[in-house]
């Protein structure tokens, strides 16, 4: 399970050093292959490749002109590339995405259950995290019993 915020860094070559807290699970359950992408260019999503393949399998039966499918895949493929973790546990962030999301130096790597890791520039993450939690989201969580 990916959970919490683990600090990491992106080196001068654009490689994210996967935090130790996540690396053991990734190595054990998923292996060294990833799909690195974004839906908005503001943050980076690092999907273990087997997880990404399951997403593609869910989308495949939908018609090619399904609006949500097309928008999702257009964005994911525009920003995304497959990547292979090296022996030190570093994953290359595509240059287009790296520049757009400000992936340089210290970053926050946030776990999203068993789905993906989300990587944020510390500057960009602080602002939304200091805003009040949306009331509509609180209501929806309450309806789920959380």
Protein backbone atom coordinates (compact mmCIF):
# COMPACT_ATOMS: atom_id res chain seq x y z
CA UNK A 1 0.00 0.00 0.00
CA UNK A 2 1.37 3.40 -0.99
CA UNK A 3 0.63 5.94 1.73
CA UNK A 4 2.07 9.09 3.13
CA UNK A 5 4.34 11.84 1.87
CA UNK A 6 7.94 10.81 1.41
CA UNK A 7 10.47 13.45 0.41
CA UNK A 8 12.68 12.68 -2.56
CA UNK A 9 14.72 14.48 -5.16
CA UNK A 10 14.90 14.83 -8.91
CA UNK A 11 18.50 15.02 -10.10
CA UNK A 12 19.94 17.23 -12.86
CA UNK A 13 19.21 14.50 -15.44
CA UNK A 14 15.53 14.44 -14.49
CA UNK A 15 15.56 11.16 -12.58
CA UNK A 16 13.31 10.73 -9.56
CA UNK A 17 14.84 8.72 -6.73
CA UNK A 18 11.96 6.51 -5.52
CA UNK A 19 11.74 6.81 -1.71
CA UNK A 20 12.77 3.72 0.22
CA UNK A 21 9.30 3.52 1.82
CA UNK A 22 7.80 2.83 -1.62
CA UNK A 23 10.69 1.06 -3.35
CA UNK A 24 10.43 -2.22 -1.43
CA UNK A 25 6.74 -2.64 -2.32
CA UNK A 26 7.37 -1.66 -5.94
CA UNK A 27 10.22 -4.15 -6.26
CA UNK A 28 8.30 -6.96 -4.59
CA UNK A 29 4.89 -6.53 -6.16
CA UNK A 30 5.37 -4.73 -9.48
CA UNK A 31 8.93 -4.75 -10.78
CA UNK A 32 11.04 -1.96 -12.34
CA UNK A 33 8.76 -0.88 -15.22
CA UNK A 34 6.59 2.25 -14.98
CA UNK A 35 4.35 4.56 -16.94
CA UNK A 36 5.17 8.15 -15.92
CA UNK A 37 2.52 10.69 -16.84
CA UNK A 38 0.19 13.50 -15.76
CA UNK A 39 -3.35 14.63 -16.42
CA UNK A 40 -2.61 18.34 -16.10
CA UNK A 41 1.14 18.91 -16.30
CA UNK A 42 1.19 20.23 -12.72
CA UNK A 43 2.22 17.01 -10.98
CA UNK A 44 3.63 13.64 -12.02
CA UNK A 45 1.92 10.26 -11.69
CA UNK A 46 4.20 7.23 -11.52
CA UNK A 47 2.17 4.10 -12.26
CA UNK A 48 3.71 0.66 -11.90
CA UNK A 49 3.38 -0.69 -15.44
CA UNK A 50 1.13 -3.62 -14.40
CA UNK A 51 -1.30 -1.11 -12.83
CA UNK A 52 -1.24 1.06 -15.96
CA UNK A 53 -1.91 -1.99 -18.15
CA UNK A 54 -5.03 -2.75 -16.06
CA UNK A 55 -6.25 0.81 -16.71
CA UNK A 56 -5.69 0.34 -20.44
CA UNK A 57 -7.57 -2.98 -20.31
CA UNK A 58 -10.55 -1.24 -18.67
CA UNK A 59 -10.51 1.45 -21.36
CA UNK A 60 -10.00 -0.87 -24.35
CA UNK A 61 -13.62 -2.08 -24.67
CA UNK A 62 -14.95 1.48 -24.84
CA UNK A 63 -15.52 2.95 -28.31
CA UNK A 64 -12.51 4.85 -29.61
CA UNK A 65 -14.52 8.08 -29.74
CA UNK A 66 -15.79 7.82 -26.16
CA UNK A 67 -15.19 11.37 -24.97
CA UNK A 68 -13.85 10.55 -21.48
CA UNK A 69 -11.60 7.77 -22.84
CA UNK A 70 -10.21 10.03 -25.54
CA UNK A 71 -9.56 12.97 -23.20
CA UNK A 72 -7.91 10.75 -20.60
CA UNK A 73 -5.66 8.94 -23.09
CA UNK A 74 -4.82 12.14 -24.99
CA UNK A 75 -3.55 13.76 -21.80
CA UNK A 76 -1.88 10.65 -20.37
CA UNK A 77 -0.06 9.97 -23.64
CA UNK A 78 0.87 13.61 -24.25
CA UNK A 79 2.64 13.83 -20.90
CA UNK A 80 3.61 10.18 -20.52
CA UNK A 81 6.35 7.71 -21.33
CA UNK A 82 7.30 4.27 -20.13
CA UNK A 83 10.32 4.17 -17.84
CA UNK A 84 12.59 1.58 -16.27
CA UNK A 85 13.99 2.06 -12.77
CA UNK A 86 17.76 1.79 -12.68
CA UNK A 87 19.73 -0.17 -10.05
CA UNK A 88 19.59 2.84 -7.68
CA UNK A 89 15.79 3.07 -7.94
CA UNK A 90 15.73 6.17 -10.13
CA UNK A 91 13.01 6.72 -12.73
CA UNK A 92 13.31 9.26 -15.55
CA UNK A 93 10.56 11.87 -15.72
CA UNK A 94 9.89 12.87 -19.37
CA UNK A 95 11.45 16.27 -20.13
CA UNK A 96 8.19 17.89 -21.29
CA UNK A 97 6.48 16.91 -18.04
CA UNK A 98 9.52 17.69 -15.91
CA UNK A 99 9.58 21.28 -17.15
CA UNK A 100 5.82 21.79 -16.93
CA UNK A 101 5.55 20.39 -13.39
CA UNK A 102 8.72 22.06 -12.08
CA UNK A 103 10.39 18.76 -11.20
CA UNK A 104 13.80 19.92 -9.94
CA UNK A 105 15.53 19.25 -6.65
CA UNK A 106 13.42 18.36 -3.62
CA UNK A 107 9.95 16.99 -4.30
CA UNK A 108 7.11 15.34 -2.39
CA UNK A 109 6.18 11.77 -3.35
CA UNK A 110 2.67 10.94 -2.16
CA UNK A 111 1.24 7.43 -2.12
CA UNK A 112 -2.19 6.73 -3.60
CA UNK A 113 -3.16 3.32 -2.19
CA UNK A 114 -2.10 0.57 -4.61
CA UNK A 115 -2.52 2.68 -7.73
CA UNK A 116 0.28 5.18 -8.22
CA UNK A 117 2.73 7.64 -6.71
CA UNK A 118 2.06 11.33 -7.20
CA UNK A 119 5.08 13.64 -7.33
CA UNK A 120 4.80 17.35 -6.64
CA UNK A 121 7.18 20.27 -6.63
CA UNK A 122 7.20 21.40 -2.99
CA UNK A 123 6.29 24.95 -4.06
CA UNK A 124 3.21 23.81 -5.97
CA UNK A 125 2.01 21.39 -3.32
CA UNK A 126 2.05 23.80 -0.38
CA UNK A 127 -0.54 26.22 -1.75
CA UNK A 128 -3.45 23.80 -2.28
CA UNK A 129 -2.63 21.94 0.95
CA UNK A 130 -3.08 25.12 2.99
CA UNK A 131 -6.58 25.74 1.61
CA UNK A 132 -9.65 24.52 3.53
CA UNK A 133 -10.76 20.98 2.70
CA UNK A 134 -13.72 21.25 0.28
CA UNK A 135 -17.09 20.81 1.99
CA UNK A 136 -18.47 18.78 -0.94
CA UNK A 137 -15.61 16.31 -0.57
CA UNK A 138 -16.28 16.06 3.19
CA UNK A 139 -19.94 15.31 2.45
CA UNK A 140 -19.03 12.63 -0.09
CA UNK A 141 -16.60 11.00 2.33
CA UNK A 142 -19.25 11.12 5.04
CA UNK A 143 -21.64 9.30 2.73
CA UNK A 144 -18.98 6.59 2.36
CA UNK A 145 -18.74 6.28 6.14
CA UNK A 146 -15.28 7.84 6.37
